[in-house]
Amino acid sequence: MRDVSFADEAIRWYDHNARDLPWRVPGIGAWAILVSEVMLQQTPVVRVLPAWRAWLDRWPSPAALAADAPAEAIRMWDRLGYPRRALRLHECATALVRRHGGAVPTDLDELLALPGVGTYTARAVAAFAYGQRHPVVDTNVRRLVARAIDGAADAGPATRPADLVATEALLPAEPARAARASAAFMELGAVVCVARTPRCAVCPMAARCAWLAAGRPAQVGPSRRPQRYAGTDRQVRGLLLAVLREATGPVPQQRLDSVWPDARQRSRALASLIEDGLVDPVSRDGAPPTGYALAGQG
């Protein structure tokens, strides 16, 4: 009975403590949920909220986004981070129009077959948009399960098949209630069972938490450090994209050269943007590039 009571406790807490987020509004639609899940990957909610609203105001359906140029998706993504997600969302919208008449499918395998939709996102859409019973496992859920069930401080660096199995075992049998349990697990991991300073004093799982009962043992193995941003290729990529987003046409090489003093790092960052399909070189008659533009400028 441990699995059912664990979910019941989480749902009870969630019903009274869940954050009021717009993509949780009943009837919001699968497209809005899909966009939110893509935006929330490695990005805090506070940054996603305005971007999500602006995105859906402009492209309220997959067909609306697919009809626009890929460059507009990259431009609209602005400084949300990891801009390949914008390109993947545009590819996903195009596939939804081509394969599913512009609707987000309900079938998990069809969701997994969409461009840019992986194991986590597909299950999140199936659960939160369609009320299906699937383990929705992100970093927060993995940490919650590792602590409360296994007594470990952390679940390790990457999601494994065993994480899906362990989380699914905690879900109620009834699909709609399982979907709500999945949302509750995610919320608990995001706001209570956090990585650095878990709020055990207010956690509804405290009485049954194996990690707390064991005295909160330290993590085994090397700890993960926050990724540095200043001075990295990621920062240079962001600076280059900022210039290209503001332009209505090709940007000459000299303008891009002015954004970062290290020519080698700047060239490496620009090459990676081209390789990722975010930027296109602009040239005539096979000559060397005279400038650069957002991919799919139209």
C-alpha atoms as a PDB file:
ATOM      1  CA  MET A   1       0.000   0.000   0.000  1.00  0.00           C
ATOM      2  CA  ARG A   2       3.015   2.297   0.235  1.00  0.00           C
ATOM      3  CA  ASP A   3       2.794   3.396  -3.403  1.00  0.00           C
ATOM      4  CA  VAL A   4      -0.887   4.424  -3.215  1.00  0.00           C
ATOM      5  CA  SER A   5      -0.556   6.212   0.135  1.00  0.00           C
ATOM      6  CA  PHE A   6       2.514   8.063  -1.136  1.00  0.00           C
ATOM      7  CA  ALA A   7       0.565   9.386  -4.112  1.00  0.00           C
ATOM      8  CA  ASP A   8      -2.479  10.215  -1.980  1.00  0.00           C
ATOM      9  CA  GLU A   9      -0.324  12.241   0.393  1.00  0.00           C
ATOM     10  CA  ALA A  10       1.303  14.087  -2.488  1.00  0.00           C
ATOM     11  CA  ILE A  11      -2.047  14.858  -4.124  1.00  0.00           C
ATOM     12  CA  ARG A  12      -3.522  16.081  -0.853  1.00  0.00           C
ATOM     13  CA  TRP A  13      -0.606  18.473  -0.437  1.00  0.00           C
ATOM     14  CA  TYR A  14      -0.769  19.557  -4.081  1.00  0.00           C
ATOM     15  CA  ASP A  15      -4.475  20.346  -3.881  1.00  0.00           C
ATOM     16  CA  HIS A  16      -3.744  22.984  -1.224  1.00  0.00           C
ATOM     17  CA  ASN A  17      -0.270  24.200  -2.167  1.00  0.00           C
ATOM     18  CA  ALA A  18       0.225  24.026  -5.933  1.00  0.00           C
ATOM     19  CA  ARG A  19       1.440  27.199  -7.594  1.00  0.00           C
ATOM     20  CA  ASP A  20      -1.145  28.988  -9.721  1.00  0.00           C
ATOM     21  CA  LEU A  21       0.403  28.545 -13.167  1.00  0.00           C
ATOM     22  CA  PRO A  22      -1.484  29.279 -16.398  1.00  0.00           C
ATOM     23  CA  TRP A  23      -0.614  26.004 -18.115  1.00  0.00           C
ATOM     24  CA  ARG A  24      -2.368  24.185 -15.259  1.00  0.00           C
ATOM     25  CA  VAL A  25      -5.730  25.815 -15.946  1.00  0.00           C
ATOM     26  CA  PRO A  26      -8.286  23.112 -16.869  1.00  0.00           C
ATOM     27  CA  GLY A  27      -8.947  23.012 -20.597  1.00  0.00           C
ATOM     28  CA  ILE A  28      -5.849  25.032 -21.508  1.00  0.00           C
ATOM     29  CA  GLY A  29      -5.108  22.656 -24.382  1.00  0.00           C
ATOM     30  CA  ALA A  30      -2.344  20.263 -25.356  1.00  0.00           C
ATOM     31  CA  TRP A  31      -0.426  22.762 -27.512  1.00  0.00           C
ATOM     32  CA  ALA A  32      -0.136  25.248 -24.650  1.00  0.00           C
ATOM     33  CA  ILE A  33       1.051  22.472 -22.345  1.00  0.00           C
ATOM     34  CA  LEU A  34       3.569  21.197 -24.885  1.00  0.00           C
ATOM     35  CA  VAL A  35       5.014  24.710 -25.295  1.00  0.00           C
ATOM     36  CA  SER A  36       5.253  25.149 -21.524  1.00  0.00           C
ATOM     37  CA  GLU A  37       7.064  21.846 -21.072  1.00  0.00           C
ATOM     38  CA  VAL A  38       9.629  22.681 -23.741  1.00  0.00           C
ATOM     39  CA  MET A  39      10.214  26.152 -22.293  1.00  0.00           C
ATOM     40  CA  LEU A  40      10.525  24.879 -18.719  1.00  0.00           C
ATOM     41  CA  GLN A  41      13.442  22.576 -19.543  1.00  0.00           C
ATOM     42  CA  GLN A  42      16.429  23.968 -17.608  1.00  0.00           C
ATOM     43  CA  THR A  43      14.656  27.318 -17.248  1.00  0.00           C
ATOM     44  CA  PRO A  44      13.005  28.811 -14.125  1.00  0.00           C
ATOM     45  CA  VAL A  45       9.241  29.364 -14.095  1.00  0.00           C
ATOM     46  CA  VAL A  46       9.631  33.110 -13.527  1.00  0.00           C
ATOM     47  CA  ARG A  47      11.445  33.467 -16.854  1.00  0.00           C
ATOM     48  CA  VAL A  48       9.104  31.142 -18.721  1.00  0.00           C
ATOM     49  CA  LEU A  49       5.828  32.853 -17.759  1.00  0.00           C
ATOM     50  CA  PRO A  50       6.128  36.001 -19.934  1.00  0.00           C
ATOM     51  CA  ALA A  51       7.732  34.079 -22.801  1.00  0.00           C
ATOM     52  CA  TRP A  52       4.985  31.441 -22.760  1.00  0.00           C
ATOM     53  CA  ARG A  53       2.224  34.053 -22.814  1.00  0.00           C
ATOM     54  CA  ALA A  54       3.851  35.998 -25.642  1.00  0.00           C
ATOM     55  CA  TRP A  55       4.439  32.823 -27.659  1.00  0.00           C
ATOM     56  CA  LEU A  56       0.818  31.662 -27.412  1.00  0.00           C
ATOM     57  CA  ASP A  57      -0.518  35.150 -28.109  1.00  0.00           C
ATOM     58  CA  ARG A  58       1.365  35.064 -31.387  1.00  0.00           C
ATOM     59  CA  TRP A  59       1.029  31.356 -32.200  1.00  0.00           C
ATOM     60  CA  PRO A  60      -2.038  29.935 -30.426  1.00  0.00           C
ATOM     61  CA  SER A  61      -1.892  26.744 -32.481  1.00  0.00           C
ATOM     62  CA  PRO A  62       0.698  24.555 -34.195  1.00  0.00           C
ATOM     63  CA  ALA A  63      -0.634  25.677 -37.570  1.00  0.00           C
ATOM     64  CA  ALA A  64      -0.020  29.323 -36.714  1.00  0.00           C
ATOM     65  CA  LEU A  65       3.613  28.642 -35.830  1.00  0.00           C
ATOM     66  CA  ALA A  66       4.210  26.323 -38.788  1.00  0.00           C
ATOM     67  CA  ALA A  67       2.976  29.051 -41.156  1.00  0.00           C
ATOM     68  CA  ASP A  68       5.636  31.464 -39.894  1.00  0.00           C
ATOM     69  CA  ALA A  69       9.351  31.413 -40.694  1.00  0.00           C
ATOM     70  CA  PRO A  70      11.712  29.475 -38.411  1.00  0.00           C
ATOM     71  CA  ALA A  71      13.660  32.702 -37.909  1.00  0.00           C
ATOM     72  CA  GLU A  72      10.628  34.238 -36.210  1.00  0.00           C
ATOM     73  CA  ALA A  73      10.578  31.407 -33.661  1.00  0.00           C
ATOM     74  CA  ILE A  74      14.264  31.984 -32.911  1.00  0.00           C
ATOM     75  CA  ARG A  75      13.663  35.725 -32.644  1.00  0.00           C
ATOM     76  CA  MET A  76      10.642  35.269 -30.380  1.00  0.00           C
ATOM     77  CA  TRP A  77      12.626  32.963 -28.100  1.00  0.00           C
ATOM     78  CA  ASP A  78      14.713  36.021 -27.246  1.00  0.00           C
ATOM     79  CA  ARG A  79      16.978  35.348 -24.214  1.00  0.00           C
ATOM     80  CA  LEU A  80      15.140  32.344 -22.801  1.00  0.00           C
ATOM     81  CA  GLY A  81      18.235  30.195 -23.285  1.00  0.00           C
ATOM     82  CA  TYR A  82      19.028  27.032 -25.232  1.00  0.00           C
ATOM     83  CA  PRO A  83      17.598  28.529 -28.461  1.00  0.00           C
ATOM     84  CA  ARG A  84      17.604  25.223 -30.320  1.00  0.00           C
ATOM     85  CA  ARG A  85      14.371  24.604 -28.439  1.00  0.00           C
ATOM     86  CA  ALA A  86      12.720  27.330 -30.531  1.00  0.00           C
ATOM     87  CA  LEU A  87      13.785  25.624 -33.743  1.00  0.00           C
ATOM     88  CA  ARG A  88      12.607  22.244 -32.439  1.00  0.00           C
ATOM     89  CA  LEU A  89       9.212  23.723 -31.530  1.00  0.00           C
ATOM     90  CA  HIS A  90       8.869  25.079 -35.059  1.00  0.00           C
ATOM     91  CA  GLU A  91       9.798  21.665 -36.487  1.00  0.00           C
ATOM     92  CA  CYS A  92       7.331  20.046 -34.091  1.00  0.00           C
ATOM     93  CA  ALA A  93       4.534  22.397 -35.178  1.00  0.00           C
ATOM     94  CA  THR A  94       5.280  21.648 -38.832  1.00  0.00           C
ATOM     95  CA  ALA A  95       5.137  17.908 -38.142  1.00  0.00           C
ATOM     96  CA  LEU A  96       1.862  18.305 -36.230  1.00  0.00           C
ATOM     97  CA  VAL A  97       0.298  20.021 -39.229  1.00  0.00           C
ATOM     98  CA  ARG A  98       1.682  17.519 -41.709  1.00  0.00           C
ATOM     99  CA  ARG A  99       1.003  14.322 -39.732  1.00  0.00           C
ATOM    100  CA  HIS A 100      -1.902  15.144 -37.425  1.00  0.00           C
ATOM    101  CA  GLY A 101      -3.893  17.923 -39.053  1.00  0.00           C
ATOM    102  CA  GLY A 102      -2.529  20.501 -36.618  1.00  0.00           C
ATOM    103  CA  ALA A 103      -3.611  18.640 -33.473  1.00  0.00           C
ATOM    104  CA  VAL A 104      -1.358  17.334 -30.726  1.00  0.00           C
ATOM    105  CA  PRO A 105      -1.808  13.534 -30.711  1.00  0.00           C
ATOM    106  CA  THR A 106      -2.941  11.639 -27.641  1.00  0.00           C
ATOM    107  CA  ASP A 107      -0.913   8.496 -28.328  1.00  0.00           C
ATOM    108  CA  LEU A 108       2.428   8.309 -26.514  1.00  0.00           C
ATOM    109  CA  ASP A 109       4.290   6.720 -29.429  1.00  0.00           C
ATOM    110  CA  GLU A 110       3.029   9.428 -31.786  1.00  0.00           C
ATOM    111  CA  LEU A 111       4.144  12.088 -29.317  1.00  0.00           C
ATOM    112  CA  LEU A 112       7.590  10.483 -29.043  1.00  0.00           C
ATOM    113  CA  ALA A 113       7.905  10.522 -32.839  1.00  0.00           C
ATOM    114  CA  LEU A 114       7.581  14.326 -32.992  1.00  0.00           C
ATOM    115  CA  PRO A 115      10.755  16.377 -33.574  1.00  0.00           C
ATOM    116  CA  GLY A 116      12.227  17.688 -30.341  1.00  0.00           C
ATOM    117  CA  VAL A 117       9.848  15.711 -28.132  1.00  0.00           C
ATOM    118  CA  GLY A 118      11.683  13.283 -25.891  1.00  0.00           C
ATOM    119  CA  THR A 119      10.819  10.826 -23.155  1.00  0.00           C
ATOM    120  CA  TYR A 120       9.978  13.453 -20.554  1.00  0.00           C
ATOM    121  CA  THR A 121       8.019  15.881 -22.758  1.00  0.00           C
ATOM    122  CA  ALA A 122       5.933  13.173 -24.430  1.00  0.00           C
ATOM    123  CA  ARG A 123       4.842  11.705 -21.097  1.00  0.00           C
ATOM    124  CA  ALA A 124       4.206  15.139 -19.608  1.00  0.00           C
ATOM    125  CA  VAL A 125       1.858  16.064 -22.459  1.00  0.00           C
ATOM    126  CA  ALA A 126       0.099  12.694 -22.323  1.00  0.00           C
ATOM    127  CA  ALA A 127      -0.417  13.028 -18.577  1.00  0.00           C
ATOM    128  CA  PHE A 128      -1.160  16.735 -18.138  1.00  0.00           C
ATOM    129  CA  ALA A 129      -3.063  17.383 -21.371  1.00  0.00           C
ATOM    130  CA  TYR A 130      -4.870  14.065 -21.707  1.00  0.00           C
ATOM    131  CA  GLY A 131      -4.994  12.649 -18.175  1.00  0.00           C
ATOM    132  CA  GLN A 132      -3.118   9.467 -19.007  1.00  0.00           C
ATOM    133  CA  ARG A 133      -1.162   7.252 -16.632  1.00  0.00           C
ATOM    134  CA  HIS A 134       2.518   7.678 -17.418  1.00  0.00           C
ATOM    135  CA  PRO A 135       5.526   8.292 -15.170  1.00  0.00           C
ATOM    136  CA  VAL A 136       6.575  11.900 -15.755  1.00  0.00           C
ATOM    137  CA  VAL A 137      10.172  12.004 -14.575  1.00  0.00           C
ATOM    138  CA  ASP A 138      12.252  15.160 -14.476  1.00  0.00           C
ATOM    139  CA  THR A 139      15.157  16.093 -12.196  1.00  0.00           C
ATOM    140  CA  ASN A 140      12.789  17.130  -9.400  1.00  0.00           C
ATOM    141  CA  VAL A 141      10.825  13.884  -9.476  1.00  0.00           C
ATOM    142  CA  ARG A 142      13.982  11.780  -9.581  1.00  0.00           C
ATOM    143  CA  ARG A 143      15.319  13.590  -6.517  1.00  0.00           C
ATOM    144  CA  LEU A 144      12.039  13.220  -4.608  1.00  0.00           C
ATOM    145  CA  VAL A 145      11.831   9.482  -5.304  1.00  0.00           C
ATOM    146  CA  ALA A 146      15.522   8.927  -4.569  1.00  0.00           C
ATOM    147  CA  ARG A 147      15.183  10.570  -1.168  1.00  0.00           C
ATOM    148  CA  ALA A 148      11.734   9.536  -0.005  1.00  0.00           C
ATOM    149  CA  ILE A 149      11.790   5.958  -1.300  1.00  0.00           C
ATOM    150  CA  ASP A 150      15.453   4.950  -1.665  1.00  0.00           C
ATOM    151  CA  GLY A 151      17.017   7.064   1.094  1.00  0.00           C
ATOM    152  CA  ALA A 152      19.611   8.556  -1.261  1.00  0.00           C
ATOM    153  CA  ALA A 153      20.535  12.235  -1.348  1.00  0.00           C
ATOM    154  CA  ASP A 154      20.416  12.388  -5.144  1.00  0.00           C
ATOM    155  CA  ALA A 155      19.342  10.242  -8.077  1.00  0.00           C
ATOM    156  CA  GLY A 156      22.442  10.693 -10.213  1.00  0.00           C
ATOM    157  CA  PRO A 157      23.220  12.777 -13.291  1.00  0.00           C
ATOM    158  CA  ALA A 158      20.801  11.342 -15.860  1.00  0.00           C
ATOM    159  CA  THR A 159      17.390   9.709 -16.109  1.00  0.00           C
ATOM    160  CA  ARG A 160      17.522   5.919 -16.424  1.00  0.00           C
ATOM    161  CA  PRO A 161      14.822   3.381 -17.338  1.00  0.00           C
ATOM    162  CA  ALA A 162      14.829   2.364 -13.665  1.00  0.00           C
ATOM    163  CA  ASP A 163      13.667   5.882 -12.747  1.00  0.00           C
ATOM    164  CA  LEU A 164      10.585   5.482 -14.919  1.00  0.00           C
ATOM    165  CA  VAL A 165       9.845   2.090 -13.360  1.00  0.00           C
ATOM    166  CA  ALA A 166      10.270   3.396  -9.809  1.00  0.00           C
ATOM    167  CA  THR A 167       8.040   6.402 -10.415  1.00  0.00           C
ATOM    168  CA  GLU A 168       5.359   4.417 -12.209  1.00  0.00           C
ATOM    169  CA  ALA A 169       5.144   2.101  -9.192  1.00  0.00           C
ATOM    170  CA  LEU A 170       4.053   5.092  -7.104  1.00  0.00           C
ATOM    171  CA  LEU A 171       1.179   6.081  -9.394  1.00  0.00           C
ATOM    172  CA  PRO A 172      -2.456   5.226  -8.649  1.00  0.00           C
ATOM    173  CA  ALA A 173      -4.121   2.868 -11.099  1.00  0.00           C
ATOM    174  CA  GLU A 174      -6.804   5.334 -12.208  1.00  0.00           C
ATOM    175  CA  PRO A 175      -5.346   7.422 -15.085  1.00  0.00           C
ATOM    176  CA  ALA A 176      -6.654  10.871 -14.137  1.00  0.00           C
ATOM    177  CA  ARG A 177      -5.534  10.480 -10.541  1.00  0.00           C
ATOM    178  CA  ALA A 178      -2.163   9.156 -11.712  1.00  0.00           C
ATOM    179  CA  ALA A 179      -1.732  12.276 -13.848  1.00  0.00           C
ATOM    180  CA  ARG A 180      -2.485  14.465 -10.835  1.00  0.00           C
ATOM    181  CA  ALA A 181       0.002  12.484  -8.767  1.00  0.00           C
ATOM    182  CA  SER A 182       2.634  13.120 -11.441  1.00  0.00           C
ATOM    183  CA  ALA A 183       1.977  16.853 -11.190  1.00  0.00           C
ATOM    184  CA  ALA A 184       2.160  16.635  -7.396  1.00  0.00           C
ATOM    185  CA  PHE A 185       5.486  14.789  -7.450  1.00  0.00           C
ATOM    186  CA  MET A 186       6.956  17.428  -9.754  1.00  0.00           C
ATOM    187  CA  GLU A 187       5.717  20.281  -7.596  1.00  0.00           C
ATOM    188  CA  LEU A 188       7.034  18.728  -4.398  1.00  0.00           C
ATOM    189  CA  GLY A 189      10.448  18.296  -5.957  1.00  0.00           C
ATOM    190  CA  ALA A 190      10.429  21.825  -7.349  1.00  0.00           C
ATOM    191  CA  VAL A 191       9.427  23.777  -4.235  1.00  0.00           C
ATOM    192  CA  VAL A 192       9.955  21.515  -1.168  1.00  0.00           C
ATOM    193  CA  CYS A 193      12.377  18.658  -1.844  1.00  0.00           C
ATOM    194  CA  VAL A 194      14.838  20.990  -3.541  1.00  0.00           C
ATOM    195  CA  ALA A 195      18.469  20.137  -4.192  1.00  0.00           C
ATOM    196  CA  ARG A 196      20.471  22.400  -1.898  1.00  0.00           C
ATOM    197  CA  THR A 197      18.202  23.316   1.020  1.00  0.00           C
ATOM    198  CA  PRO A 198      15.270  20.866   1.195  1.00  0.00           C
ATOM    199  CA  ARG A 199      12.358  22.123   3.289  1.00  0.00           C
ATOM    200  CA  CYS A 200      11.908  18.931   5.275  1.00  0.00           C
ATOM    201  CA  ALA A 201      10.053  20.739   8.090  1.00  0.00           C
ATOM    202  CA  VAL A 202       7.073  21.445   5.791  1.00  0.00           C
ATOM    203  CA  CYS A 203       7.278  18.344   3.592  1.00  0.00           C
ATOM    204  CA  PRO A 204       4.170  16.138   3.631  1.00  0.00           C
ATOM    205  CA  MET A 205       6.433  13.126   3.042  1.00  0.00           C
ATOM    206  CA  ALA A 206       8.639  13.752   6.087  1.00  0.00           C
ATOM    207  CA  ALA A 207       7.076  10.951   8.183  1.00  0.00           C
ATOM    208  CA  ARG A 208       7.718   8.378   5.448  1.00  0.00           C
ATOM    209  CA  CYS A 209      10.941   9.764   3.926  1.00  0.00           C
ATOM    210  CA  ALA A 210      13.741   7.180   3.951  1.00  0.00           C
ATOM    211  CA  TRP A 211      16.438   9.828   3.508  1.00  0.00           C
ATOM    212  CA  LEU A 212      15.212  11.876   6.449  1.00  0.00           C
ATOM    213  CA  ALA A 213      14.894   8.751   8.599  1.00  0.00           C
ATOM    214  CA  ALA A 214      18.505   7.871   7.768  1.00  0.00           C
ATOM    215  CA  GLY A 215      19.700  11.256   9.007  1.00  0.00           C
ATOM    216  CA  ARG A 216      19.928  12.921   5.596  1.00  0.00           C
ATOM    217  CA  PRO A 217      23.152  11.177   4.478  1.00  0.00           C
ATOM    218  CA  ALA A 218      25.359  13.118   2.097  1.00  0.00           C
ATOM    219  CA  GLN A 219      25.478  12.392  -1.597  1.00  0.00           C
ATOM    220  CA  VAL A 220      27.815   9.605  -2.638  1.00  0.00           C
ATOM    221  CA  GLY A 221      30.281  10.565  -5.367  1.00  0.00           C
ATOM    222  CA  PRO A 222      31.144  13.950  -6.884  1.00  0.00           C
ATOM    223  CA  SER A 223      28.527  16.678  -6.596  1.00  0.00           C
ATOM    224  CA  ARG A 224      27.261  18.529  -9.627  1.00  0.00           C
ATOM    225  CA  ARG A 225      28.333  22.142  -9.754  1.00  0.00           C
ATOM    226  CA  PRO A 226      26.192  24.853 -11.373  1.00  0.00           C
ATOM    227  CA  GLN A 227      27.308  25.539 -14.925  1.00  0.00           C
ATOM    228  CA  ARG A 228      29.336  28.691 -15.358  1.00  0.00           C
ATOM    229  CA  TYR A 229      27.975  31.135 -17.945  1.00  0.00           C
ATOM    230  CA  ALA A 230      30.175  34.260 -17.980  1.00  0.00           C
ATOM    231  CA  GLY A 231      32.952  33.967 -20.513  1.00  0.00           C
ATOM    232  CA  THR A 232      31.729  30.678 -21.999  1.00  0.00           C
ATOM    233  CA  ASP A 233      30.838  29.874 -25.590  1.00  0.00           C
ATOM    234  CA  ARG A 234      27.203  29.928 -24.448  1.00  0.00           C
ATOM    235  CA  GLN A 235      27.530  33.586 -23.560  1.00  0.00           C
ATOM    236  CA  VAL A 236      29.166  34.403 -26.889  1.00  0.00           C
ATOM    237  CA  ARG A 237      26.447  32.488 -28.753  1.00  0.00           C
ATOM    238  CA  GLY A 238      23.860  34.545 -26.903  1.00  0.00           C
ATOM    239  CA  LEU A 239      25.539  37.812 -27.808  1.00  0.00           C
ATOM    240  CA  LEU A 240      25.755  36.851 -31.482  1.00  0.00           C
ATOM    241  CA  LEU A 241      22.115  35.750 -31.560  1.00  0.00           C
ATOM    242  CA  ALA A 242      21.025  38.990 -29.879  1.00  0.00           C
ATOM    243  CA  VAL A 243      22.513  40.989 -32.781  1.00  0.00           C
ATOM    244  CA  LEU A 244      20.963  38.699 -35.392  1.00  0.00           C
ATOM    245  CA  ARG A 245      17.528  38.762 -33.727  1.00  0.00           C
ATOM    246  CA  GLU A 246      17.413  42.550 -33.876  1.00  0.00           C
ATOM    247  CA  ALA A 247      18.305  42.668 -37.569  1.00  0.00           C
ATOM    248  CA  THR A 248      15.786  42.446 -40.396  1.00  0.00           C
ATOM    249  CA  GLY A 249      18.372  41.256 -42.895  1.00  0.00           C
ATOM    250  CA  PRO A 250      21.881  39.802 -43.071  1.00  0.00           C
ATOM    251  CA  VAL A 251      24.395  41.134 -40.567  1.00  0.00           C
ATOM    252  CA  PRO A 252      27.909  41.814 -41.872  1.00  0.00           C
ATOM    253  CA  GLN A 253      30.823  39.966 -40.331  1.00  0.00           C
ATOM    254  CA  GLN A 254      32.279  43.218 -38.977  1.00  0.00           C
ATOM    255  CA  ARG A 255      29.185  43.819 -36.845  1.00  0.00           C
ATOM    256  CA  LEU A 256      29.424  40.352 -35.304  1.00  0.00           C
ATOM    257  CA  ASP A 257      33.155  40.826 -34.710  1.00  0.00           C
ATOM    258  CA  SER A 258      32.360  43.710 -32.376  1.00  0.00           C
ATOM    259  CA  VAL A 259      30.396  41.661 -29.835  1.00  0.00           C
ATOM    260  CA  TRP A 260      33.346  39.688 -28.387  1.00  0.00           C
ATOM    261  CA  PRO A 261      37.078  40.380 -28.372  1.00  0.00           C
ATOM    262  CA  ASP A 262      38.378  36.801 -28.639  1.00  0.00           C
ATOM    263  CA  ALA A 263      38.295  36.041 -32.364  1.00  0.00           C
ATOM    264  CA  ARG A 264      38.893  32.313 -31.933  1.00  0.00           C
ATOM    265  CA  GLN A 265      36.091  31.891 -29.392  1.00  0.00           C
ATOM    266  CA  ARG A 266      33.788  34.105 -31.439  1.00  0.00           C
ATOM    267  CA  SER A 267      34.437  32.028 -34.553  1.00  0.00           C
ATOM    268  CA  ARG A 268      33.834  28.805 -32.617  1.00  0.00           C
ATOM    269  CA  ALA A 269      30.539  30.103 -31.211  1.00  0.00           C
ATOM    270  CA  LEU A 270      29.353  31.260 -34.632  1.00  0.00           C
ATOM    271  CA  ALA A 271      30.271  27.911 -36.189  1.00  0.00           C
ATOM    272  CA  SER A 272      28.259  26.094 -33.517  1.00  0.00           C
ATOM    273  CA  LEU A 273      25.221  28.278 -34.224  1.00  0.00           C
ATOM    274  CA  ILE A 274      25.473  27.379 -37.899  1.00  0.00           C
ATOM    275  CA  GLU A 275      25.912  23.694 -37.082  1.00  0.00           C
ATOM    276  CA  ASP A 276      22.830  23.805 -34.824  1.00  0.00           C
ATOM    277  CA  GLY A 277      20.774  25.231 -37.689  1.00  0.00           C
ATOM    278  CA  LEU A 278      20.131  28.531 -35.916  1.00  0.00           C
ATOM    279  CA  VAL A 279      22.151  30.765 -38.248  1.00  0.00           C
ATOM    280  CA  ASP A 280      22.697  30.775 -42.020  1.00  0.00           C
ATOM    281  CA  PRO A 281      25.773  32.201 -43.779  1.00  0.00           C
ATOM    282  CA  VAL A 282      24.884  34.649 -46.552  1.00  0.00           C
ATOM    283  CA  SER A 283      26.979  34.685 -49.727  1.00  0.00           C
ATOM    284  CA  ARG A 284      26.654  35.134 -53.479  1.00  0.00           C
ATOM    285  CA  ASP A 285      27.794  32.827 -56.245  1.00  0.00           C
ATOM    286  CA  GLY A 286      29.651  30.505 -53.907  1.00  0.00           C
ATOM    287  CA  ALA A 287      31.879  33.263 -52.541  1.00  0.00           C
ATOM    288  CA  PRO A 288      32.885  33.326 -48.849  1.00  0.00           C
ATOM    289  CA  PRO A 289      30.094  34.557 -46.540  1.00  0.00           C
ATOM    290  CA  THR A 290      29.595  38.307 -46.481  1.00  0.00           C
ATOM    291  CA  GLY A 291      27.200  38.156 -43.560  1.00  0.00           C
ATOM    292  CA  TYR A 292      24.908  36.011 -41.427  1.00  0.00           C
ATOM    293  CA  ALA A 293      21.188  35.793 -40.724  1.00  0.00           C
ATOM    294  CA  LEU A 294      18.835  33.806 -38.533  1.00  0.00           C
ATOM    295  CA  ALA A 295      18.023  30.438 -40.085  1.00  0.00           C
ATOM    296  CA  GLY A 296      14.903  30.423 -42.219  1.00  0.00           C
ATOM    297  CA  GLN A 297      14.786  34.189 -42.417  1.00  0.00           C
ATOM    298  CA  GLY A 298      12.269  33.772 -45.213  1.00  0.00           C
END
